[in-house]
Protein backbone atom coordinates (compact mmCIF):
# COMPACT_ATOMS: atom_id res chain seq x y z
CA UNK A 1 109.92 111.20 244.79
CA UNK A 2 110.06 114.99 244.46
CA UNK A 3 107.14 117.43 244.52
CA UNK A 4 106.92 119.82 241.59
CA UNK A 5 104.74 122.92 241.58
CA UNK A 6 103.45 124.60 238.42
CA UNK A 7 105.59 127.76 238.83
CA UNK A 8 107.11 127.34 235.37
CA UNK A 9 103.62 127.28 233.86
CA UNK A 10 102.86 130.60 235.55
CA UNK A 11 106.09 132.07 234.18
CA UNK A 12 105.14 131.06 230.65
CA UNK A 13 101.68 132.53 231.01
CA UNK A 14 103.18 135.83 232.19
CA UNK A 15 104.83 136.26 228.80
CA UNK A 16 101.54 136.04 226.87
CA UNK A 17 100.11 139.26 225.41
CA UNK A 18 96.49 138.18 225.69
CA UNK A 19 94.73 135.32 227.34
CA UNK A 20 91.43 134.15 228.72
CA UNK A 21 91.46 133.66 232.49
CA UNK A 22 90.11 130.23 233.35
CA UNK A 23 89.97 129.13 236.99
CA UNK A 24 91.88 125.86 237.50
CA UNK A 25 92.61 123.60 240.44
CA UNK A 26 96.22 123.53 241.69
CA UNK A 27 98.17 120.59 240.29
CA UNK A 28 101.02 118.83 242.02
CA UNK A 29 103.26 116.70 239.84
CA UNK A 30 105.40 113.98 241.34
CA UNK A 31 108.67 112.90 239.78
CA UNK A 32 109.14 109.12 239.97
CA UNK A 33 112.38 107.24 239.36
CA UNK A 34 112.59 103.45 239.06
CA UNK A 35 115.98 101.86 238.57
CA UNK A 36 117.45 98.36 238.80
CA UNK A 37 120.20 96.13 237.48
CA UNK A 38 119.61 92.97 235.45
CA UNK A 39 121.28 90.17 237.35
CA UNK A 40 121.14 86.73 235.79
CA UNK A 41 121.40 83.63 237.96
CA UNK A 42 121.51 79.97 236.98
CA UNK A 43 119.95 78.80 240.25
CA UNK A 44 116.87 80.05 242.10
CA UNK A 45 115.43 79.13 245.49
CA UNK A 46 111.75 80.11 245.46
CA UNK A 47 109.67 80.48 248.63
CA UNK A 48 105.90 80.86 248.31
CA UNK A 49 104.30 82.33 251.46
CA UNK A 50 100.59 81.46 251.25
CA UNK A 51 97.92 82.90 253.53
CA UNK A 52 96.02 80.11 255.31
CA UNK A 53 93.33 82.24 256.96
CA UNK A 54 89.60 81.66 256.49
CA UNK A 55 89.03 83.82 253.40
CA UNK A 56 91.68 82.15 251.21
CA UNK A 57 90.14 78.86 250.04
CA UNK A 58 89.04 79.91 246.56
CA UNK A 59 92.12 82.08 246.10
CA UNK A 60 94.42 79.12 246.85
CA UNK A 61 92.56 77.14 244.18
CA UNK A 62 93.23 79.90 241.65
CA UNK A 63 96.91 79.94 242.60
CA UNK A 64 97.15 76.17 242.15
CA UNK A 65 95.48 76.33 238.73
CA UNK A 66 98.09 78.85 237.52
CA UNK A 67 101.15 76.76 238.39
CA UNK A 68 101.27 74.81 235.12
CA UNK A 69 101.85 78.10 233.26
CA UNK A 70 104.28 79.28 235.94
CA UNK A 71 106.35 76.11 235.53
CA UNK A 72 106.38 76.46 231.74
CA UNK A 73 107.51 80.08 231.96
CA UNK A 74 110.35 79.25 234.35
CA UNK A 75 111.42 76.38 232.10
CA UNK A 76 111.57 78.76 229.14
CA UNK A 77 113.98 81.24 230.78
CA UNK A 78 117.31 81.81 229.05
CA UNK A 79 119.79 80.98 230.38
CA UNK A 80 118.13 77.95 231.93
CA UNK A 81 117.46 78.09 235.68
CA UNK A 82 117.95 75.24 238.14
CA UNK A 83 115.12 76.06 240.51
CA UNK A 84 113.42 74.62 243.55
CA UNK A 85 110.27 75.72 245.38
CA UNK A 86 109.05 75.44 248.97
CA UNK A 87 105.79 76.63 250.53
CA UNK A 88 105.10 78.04 253.98
CA UNK A 89 102.02 79.65 255.48
CA UNK A 90 101.42 83.04 257.06
CA UNK A 91 100.58 81.44 260.43
CA UNK A 92 102.97 82.26 263.29
CA UNK A 93 100.86 83.12 266.35
CA UNK A 94 97.73 84.87 267.55
CA UNK A 95 97.48 87.58 270.19
CA UNK A 96 93.89 88.65 270.67
CA UNK A 97 91.91 90.79 273.06
CA UNK A 98 92.66 91.11 276.75
CA UNK A 99 92.60 88.78 279.74
CA UNK A 100 93.74 88.50 283.31
CA UNK A 101 95.26 87.63 285.61
CA UNK A 102 98.32 86.54 283.65
CA UNK A 103 98.98 82.81 283.77
CA UNK A 104 95.63 81.98 285.33
CA UNK A 105 94.09 78.80 283.79
CA UNK A 106 90.58 80.21 284.16
CA UNK A 107 91.62 83.31 282.23
CA UNK A 108 93.09 81.06 279.54
CA UNK A 109 89.80 79.15 279.40
CA UNK A 110 87.95 82.41 278.92
CA UNK A 111 90.29 83.20 276.01
CA UNK A 112 89.50 79.83 274.42
CA UNK A 113 85.78 80.49 274.79
CA UNK A 114 85.80 84.11 273.60
CA UNK A 115 87.98 83.45 270.55
CA UNK A 116 86.51 80.02 269.73
CA UNK A 117 89.78 78.08 269.67
CA UNK A 118 91.92 76.03 272.02
CA UNK A 119 95.48 76.50 273.23
CA UNK A 120 95.34 80.09 274.47
CA UNK A 121 97.18 81.33 277.53
CA UNK A 122 96.91 84.65 279.29
CA UNK A 123 100.37 86.13 278.73
CA UNK A 124 102.40 88.43 280.96
CA UNK A 125 101.00 91.50 279.22
CA UNK A 126 97.39 90.34 279.83
CA UNK A 127 96.51 89.34 276.28
CA UNK A 128 95.13 86.05 274.92
CA UNK A 129 98.06 84.37 273.18
CA UNK A 130 98.61 81.09 271.36
CA UNK A 131 101.53 79.89 269.29
CA UNK A 132 101.61 77.48 266.34
CA UNK A 133 104.40 74.84 266.36
CA UNK A 134 104.53 74.75 262.54
CA UNK A 135 105.35 78.47 262.22
CA UNK A 136 107.87 78.99 259.43
CA UNK A 137 107.98 75.28 258.59
CA UNK A 138 107.62 74.11 254.99
CA UNK A 139 104.18 72.80 254.05
CA UNK A 140 103.89 69.55 252.11
CA UNK A 141 100.71 68.82 250.18
CA UNK A 142 99.14 65.41 250.63
CA UNK A 143 100.24 64.31 247.16
CA UNK A 144 103.66 66.00 247.13
CA UNK A 145 106.73 63.76 247.49
CA UNK A 146 108.91 66.29 249.37
CA UNK A 147 108.86 69.51 251.37
CA UNK A 148 111.20 71.17 248.87
CA UNK A 149 110.35 70.44 245.25
CA UNK A 150 113.32 70.59 242.92
CA UNK A 151 112.28 71.02 239.29
CA UNK A 152 115.06 68.75 237.96
CA UNK A 153 113.64 65.78 239.88
CA UNK A 154 110.24 65.65 238.16
CA UNK A 155 108.52 66.11 234.82
CA UNK A 156 106.99 69.53 234.23
CA UNK A 157 103.46 68.17 234.66
CA UNK A 158 104.27 66.32 237.89
CA UNK A 159 106.19 69.27 239.34
CA UNK A 160 103.28 71.65 238.73
CA UNK A 161 100.80 69.13 240.16
CA UNK A 162 102.83 68.58 243.32
CA UNK A 163 103.31 72.31 243.81
CA UNK A 164 99.60 73.01 243.21
CA UNK A 165 98.85 70.48 245.94
CA UNK A 166 101.26 72.16 248.33
CA UNK A 167 99.90 75.71 247.90
CA UNK A 168 96.45 74.56 249.05
CA UNK A 169 97.45 75.03 252.67
CA UNK A 170 93.93 75.16 254.07
CA UNK A 171 92.08 77.91 255.90
CA UNK A 172 92.48 76.96 259.57
CA UNK A 173 95.47 79.20 260.21
CA UNK A 174 95.99 82.28 262.32
CA UNK A 175 93.48 85.10 262.11
CA UNK A 176 96.46 87.48 262.08
CA UNK A 177 98.55 86.54 259.03
CA UNK A 178 102.23 87.25 259.70
CA UNK A 179 103.78 86.58 256.32
CA UNK A 180 106.95 88.62 256.78
CA UNK A 181 107.89 86.85 260.01
CA UNK A 182 106.97 83.46 258.50
CA UNK A 183 109.24 84.27 255.54
CA UNK A 184 112.19 85.00 257.84
CA UNK A 185 111.64 81.80 259.82
CA UNK A 186 111.29 79.68 256.65
CA UNK A 187 114.44 81.01 254.99
CA UNK A 188 116.36 79.98 258.09
CA UNK A 189 115.35 76.34 257.62
CA UNK A 190 118.59 74.34 257.20
CA UNK A 191 119.54 73.29 253.69
CA UNK A 192 117.04 75.32 251.66
CA UNK A 193 119.17 78.22 250.47
CA UNK A 194 121.87 77.01 248.09
CA UNK A 195 125.15 78.79 247.53
CA UNK A 196 125.02 81.09 244.51
CA UNK A 197 121.25 80.81 244.07
CA UNK A 198 118.96 83.80 243.66
CA UNK A 199 116.42 84.03 246.48
CA UNK A 200 112.85 84.59 245.26
CA UNK A 201 110.06 85.25 247.78
CA UNK A 202 106.42 85.61 246.77
CA UNK A 203 103.54 86.42 249.13
CA UNK A 204 99.99 85.36 248.29
CA UNK A 205 97.46 86.90 250.69
CA UNK A 206 94.29 88.99 250.85
CA UNK A 207 95.16 90.47 254.26
CA UNK A 208 97.77 92.73 255.84
CA UNK A 209 101.00 91.53 257.43
CA UNK A 210 100.72 91.55 261.23
CA UNK A 211 104.24 90.40 262.08
CA UNK A 212 104.93 91.15 265.74
CA UNK A 213 107.63 88.77 267.06
CA UNK A 214 107.97 90.82 270.26
CA UNK A 215 104.26 90.28 271.04
CA UNK A 216 103.61 93.98 271.58
CA UNK A 217 100.14 94.28 270.10
CA UNK A 218 96.80 92.48 270.51
CA UNK A 219 95.87 92.50 266.83
CA UNK A 220 92.16 91.80 267.15
CA UNK A 221 90.12 93.24 270.02
CA UNK A 222 86.42 93.34 270.72
CA UNK A 223 84.53 96.53 271.35
CA UNK A 224 82.96 95.97 274.80
CA UNK A 225 79.91 98.02 273.84
CA UNK A 226 79.06 96.35 270.53
CA UNK A 227 81.07 93.13 270.49
CA UNK A 228 82.44 94.08 267.07
CA UNK A 229 85.99 92.97 266.28
CA UNK A 230 88.49 95.80 265.67
CA UNK A 231 91.57 95.01 263.57
CA UNK A 232 94.41 96.88 265.28
CA UNK A 233 96.95 95.53 262.76
CA UNK A 234 95.07 97.09 259.84
CA UNK A 235 94.74 100.36 261.76
CA UNK A 236 98.48 100.58 262.37
CA UNK A 237 99.43 99.58 258.83
CA UNK A 238 97.08 102.26 257.51
CA UNK A 239 99.17 104.83 259.38
CA UNK A 240 96.26 107.05 260.35
CA UNK A 241 97.45 107.50 263.93
CA UNK A 242 94.64 105.38 265.42
CA UNK A 243 97.05 102.73 266.74
CA UNK A 244 100.40 102.83 268.51
CA UNK A 245 103.37 101.60 266.43
CA UNK A 246 103.85 98.00 267.54
CA UNK A 247 104.34 95.94 264.38
CA UNK A 248 107.85 94.90 263.43
CA UNK A 249 109.20 97.53 260.99
CA UNK A 250 109.28 96.34 257.38
CA UNK A 251 112.82 97.74 257.21
CA UNK A 252 113.96 94.95 259.55
CA UNK A 253 112.80 92.34 257.03
CA UNK A 254 114.46 94.27 254.21
CA UNK A 255 117.69 94.16 256.19
CA UNK A 256 117.27 90.44 256.86
CA UNK A 257 117.00 89.69 253.14
CA UNK A 258 119.89 92.00 252.28
CA UNK A 259 121.96 90.24 254.92
CA UNK A 260 121.71 86.85 253.21
CA UNK A 261 125.13 85.95 251.78
CA UNK A 262 126.78 83.36 249.58
CA UNK A 263 129.85 81.38 250.66
CA UNK A 264 132.15 84.07 249.23
CA UNK A 265 130.62 86.64 251.57
CA UNK A 266 128.84 88.55 248.81
CA UNK A 267 125.12 89.35 249.21
CA UNK A 268 122.61 87.04 247.58
CA UNK A 269 120.45 88.32 244.75
CA UNK A 270 116.89 88.75 246.04
CA UNK A 271 113.58 89.17 244.22
CA UNK A 272 110.28 89.80 246.01
CA UNK A 273 106.73 89.59 244.68
CA UNK A 274 103.48 90.49 246.43
CA UNK A 275 100.16 89.09 245.18
CA UNK A 276 97.93 91.08 247.54
CA UNK A 277 94.82 93.22 247.72
CA UNK A 278 95.26 96.22 245.41
CA UNK A 279 92.91 98.87 244.16
CA UNK A 280 91.55 97.36 240.98
CA UNK A 281 93.62 98.34 237.96
CA UNK A 282 96.41 99.94 239.98
CA UNK A 283 99.56 99.24 241.99
CA UNK A 284 98.08 100.98 245.03
CA UNK A 285 97.01 99.12 248.18
CA UNK A 286 93.24 98.79 248.45
CA UNK A 287 90.37 96.34 248.87
CA UNK A 288 90.03 94.60 245.52
CA UNK A 289 86.98 92.90 244.02
CA UNK A 290 86.34 89.83 241.88
CA UNK A 291 83.14 90.26 239.80
CA UNK A 292 83.27 86.68 238.48
CA UNK A 293 83.39 85.30 242.00
CA UNK A 294 80.58 87.60 243.14
CA UNK A 295 78.44 86.41 240.23
CA UNK A 296 79.12 82.79 241.18
CA UNK A 297 77.86 83.46 244.73
CA UNK A 298 74.48 84.51 243.30
CA UNK A 299 74.36 81.83 240.60
CA UNK A 300 72.10 78.76 241.06
CA UNK A 301 75.01 76.54 242.15
CA UNK A 302 76.09 79.03 244.82
CA UNK A 303 72.54 79.50 246.09
CA UNK A 304 71.99 75.73 246.20
CA UNK A 305 75.17 75.23 248.21
CA UNK A 306 73.92 77.68 250.84
CA UNK A 307 70.47 76.06 250.85
CA UNK A 308 72.03 72.65 251.52
CA UNK A 309 74.31 74.05 254.21
CA UNK A 310 71.49 75.81 256.01
CA UNK A 311 68.76 73.20 255.57
CA UNK A 312 69.11 71.77 259.09
CA UNK A 313 69.54 75.19 260.73
CA UNK A 314 66.76 76.21 263.16
CA UNK A 315 66.97 79.78 261.79
CA UNK A 316 67.19 78.94 258.08
CA UNK A 317 66.83 82.43 256.64
CA UNK A 318 69.47 83.96 258.92
CA UNK A 319 71.85 81.11 258.10
CA UNK A 320 71.18 81.46 254.36
CA UNK A 321 71.74 85.23 254.36
CA UNK A 322 74.97 84.79 256.33
CA UNK A 323 76.16 82.09 253.91
CA UNK A 324 75.65 84.28 250.83
CA UNK A 325 77.22 87.27 252.57
CA UNK A 326 80.27 85.18 253.55
CA UNK A 327 80.66 84.01 249.94
CA UNK A 328 80.77 87.60 248.69
CA UNK A 329 83.11 88.67 251.50
CA UNK A 330 85.62 85.98 250.57
CA UNK A 331 85.64 86.95 246.88
CA UNK A 332 87.47 90.22 247.43
CA UNK A 333 90.41 91.50 249.41
CA UNK A 334 90.06 91.69 253.17
CA UNK A 335 92.69 94.34 254.01
CA UNK A 336 95.12 96.28 251.74
CA UNK A 337 98.59 94.66 251.69
CA UNK A 338 100.63 97.80 252.37
CA UNK A 339 103.48 96.14 254.27
CA UNK A 340 103.97 93.42 251.65
CA UNK A 341 104.14 96.06 248.93
CA UNK A 342 106.69 98.04 250.92
CA UNK A 343 108.95 94.98 251.07
CA UNK A 344 108.48 94.14 247.39
CA UNK A 345 109.19 97.67 246.20
CA UNK A 346 112.33 97.84 248.37
CA UNK A 347 113.75 95.21 245.99
CA UNK A 348 112.24 96.69 242.81
CA UNK A 349 109.89 93.74 242.95
CA UNK A 350 106.50 93.06 241.40
CA UNK A 351 102.94 93.35 242.66
CA UNK A 352 99.73 91.75 241.44
CA UNK A 353 96.10 91.57 242.52
CA UNK A 354 95.05 88.59 244.65
CA UNK A 355 91.42 89.07 243.63
CA UNK A 356 92.08 88.33 239.97
CA UNK A 357 90.05 85.38 238.72
CA UNK A 358 93.21 84.12 237.02
CA UNK A 359 96.43 84.05 239.05
CA UNK A 360 98.58 83.44 235.95
CA UNK A 361 99.36 87.11 235.20
CA UNK A 362 100.68 87.66 238.71
CA UNK A 363 102.88 84.56 238.54
CA UNK A 364 104.05 85.60 235.07
CA UNK A 365 105.41 88.82 236.57
CA UNK A 366 107.29 86.76 239.14
CA UNK A 367 108.78 84.38 236.58
CA UNK A 368 109.86 87.35 234.47
CA UNK A 369 111.94 88.93 237.23
CA UNK A 370 113.70 85.63 237.92
CA UNK A 371 115.15 85.85 234.41
CA UNK A 372 115.76 88.89 232.21
CA UNK A 373 112.70 91.20 232.29
CA UNK A 374 111.01 91.99 228.99
CA UNK A 375 109.00 94.75 230.63
CA UNK A 376 108.75 96.52 233.97
CA UNK A 377 105.69 97.82 235.75
CA UNK A 378 105.42 101.48 236.64
CA UNK A 379 104.45 102.35 240.19
CA UNK A 380 101.94 104.95 238.98
CA UNK A 381 100.38 106.10 235.72
CA UNK A 382 102.40 108.84 233.97
CA UNK A 383 100.67 112.16 233.42
CA UNK A 384 101.65 111.89 229.76
CA UNK A 385 103.72 109.52 227.64
CA UNK A 386 105.78 112.59 226.75
CA UNK A 387 107.00 112.68 230.36
CA UNK A 388 108.47 109.15 230.32
CA UNK A 389 112.25 108.87 229.90
CA UNK A 390 113.92 105.47 229.65
CA UNK A 391 117.70 105.06 229.78
CA UNK A 392 119.99 102.03 229.67
CA UNK A 393 123.49 101.81 231.14
CA UNK A 394 125.38 99.01 229.38
CA UNK A 395 129.02 98.63 230.32
CA UNK A 396 130.65 102.01 229.79
CA UNK A 397 127.80 103.25 227.57
CA UNK A 398 124.69 105.10 228.60
CA UNK A 399 121.94 105.86 226.11
CA UNK A 400 118.35 106.99 225.98
CA UNK A 401 115.68 104.68 224.55
CA UNK A 402 113.58 106.03 221.69
CA UNK A 403 109.80 105.95 222.33
CA UNK A 404 107.95 103.66 219.93
CA UNK A 405 111.22 102.13 218.75
CA UNK A 406 113.13 101.04 221.84
CA UNK A 407 110.22 100.99 224.28
CA UNK A 408 106.46 101.22 224.36
CA UNK A 409 103.92 101.80 227.12
CA UNK A 410 101.56 98.86 227.54
CA UNK A 411 98.37 98.83 229.61
CA UNK A 412 97.75 95.76 231.75
CA UNK A 413 94.91 94.63 234.01
CA UNK A 414 96.54 96.14 237.08
CA UNK A 415 98.67 98.98 235.79
CA UNK A 416 100.94 100.23 233.01
CA UNK A 417 104.26 98.78 231.83
CA UNK A 418 107.35 99.84 229.93
CA UNK A 419 108.03 97.13 227.34
CA UNK A 420 111.61 97.08 226.04
CA UNK A 421 112.49 96.62 222.36
CA UNK A 422 115.07 97.47 219.73
CA UNK A 423 118.41 98.58 221.16
CA UNK A 424 116.91 98.57 224.66
CA UNK A 425 116.08 94.86 224.92
CA UNK A 426 117.68 94.12 228.27
CA UNK A 427 120.92 92.17 228.55
CA UNK A 428 122.74 90.72 231.58
CA UNK A 429 124.19 93.44 233.85
CA UNK A 430 122.25 96.24 232.12
CA UNK A 431 121.01 98.98 234.42
CA UNK A 432 117.60 100.30 233.38
CA UNK A 433 116.39 103.68 234.56
CA UNK A 434 112.80 104.89 234.04
CA UNK A 435 111.73 108.38 235.04
CA UNK A 436 108.32 109.98 234.62
CA UNK A 437 105.86 112.50 236.02
CA UNK A 438 102.58 111.57 237.63
CA UNK A 439 99.89 113.66 239.30
CA UNK A 440 99.23 111.16 242.10
């Protein structure tokens, strides 16, 4: 993106014979270019990476409820797609706080006590560490017949039901979701990636990616003065200089995906989607909210649930207040998903809001990019529709799309889209190019 300054506006004003001087704030315009090629595949291997940390229970339910529509949309793609889906979680490991001496069983016991879990050791760098044997493995729901669900093997209703069961991965996973590393481990599972199939990866999480395979960073630490937990992963991802760079660079995961090849040695087609915490109504990372969920926390049913839970508690009122507060906390996003967005946008992928009460729109974006897109989402809102230029390269031809005839701008719940029409309805191997100005 290129910075533009309003010098040309000053030049125009200089030619005026009379004017009224009005003080204005400086404006910086940013030129944005989005470009991609329409690649049509007849096979797709879809990996859903689902956060299994404590705040995700209701969000997993919403994802499961949207899978009937997702299945129908994939089935309707032209040309038809032979697709299969597997699910993995964001749990890889935990590295929390500090301990010592390294290897001492008493130090490990202190880790277990302080972080309220078993299986910790005090590692060579004096941090509490525990691994999870199922890291990067496929998750199979209790009612699902297989780890990898191939659409051709089941009816549409059964396929969606089995998949909905498998995305409800529970909430007992790592407190440091590491979706990018889990994705890499899962795609290396033997037999999943088929020759000639498009690889589709979708992340579903309300937290940040804390992938750190080299175990360089204790992601959660406790302030010795207050006992408050400090999220070092979120600090580093925010890029405000408050944490040393220790997370695995997102570029390494981009390179991993670009290094996947078919039997002929050519790179695989890759699509990436990120259903994460965004600023409401935008494509920008932020802590999102869910008003419907918040209202449910304060509704009679939500209040009654907390009353029942806290009835036996010796400090009823404290328990009740904590229960209601926890309900509200789990409605929204926990940490902006900056690293997931970085990976998705590296592949001209899609982003959607994990806090949405209906997960269908986010999955609809994903199904659309598996086939031929009917519309594409802009990364930012244009300053004016007059500043949007859409071009199509088709074979040896290159032509500009006419606003209102060949494309329209459409507002959605989490951003603005270019919807193609007329001569610019996308075809296989088209290259679309959208350029616009924004004042972000």
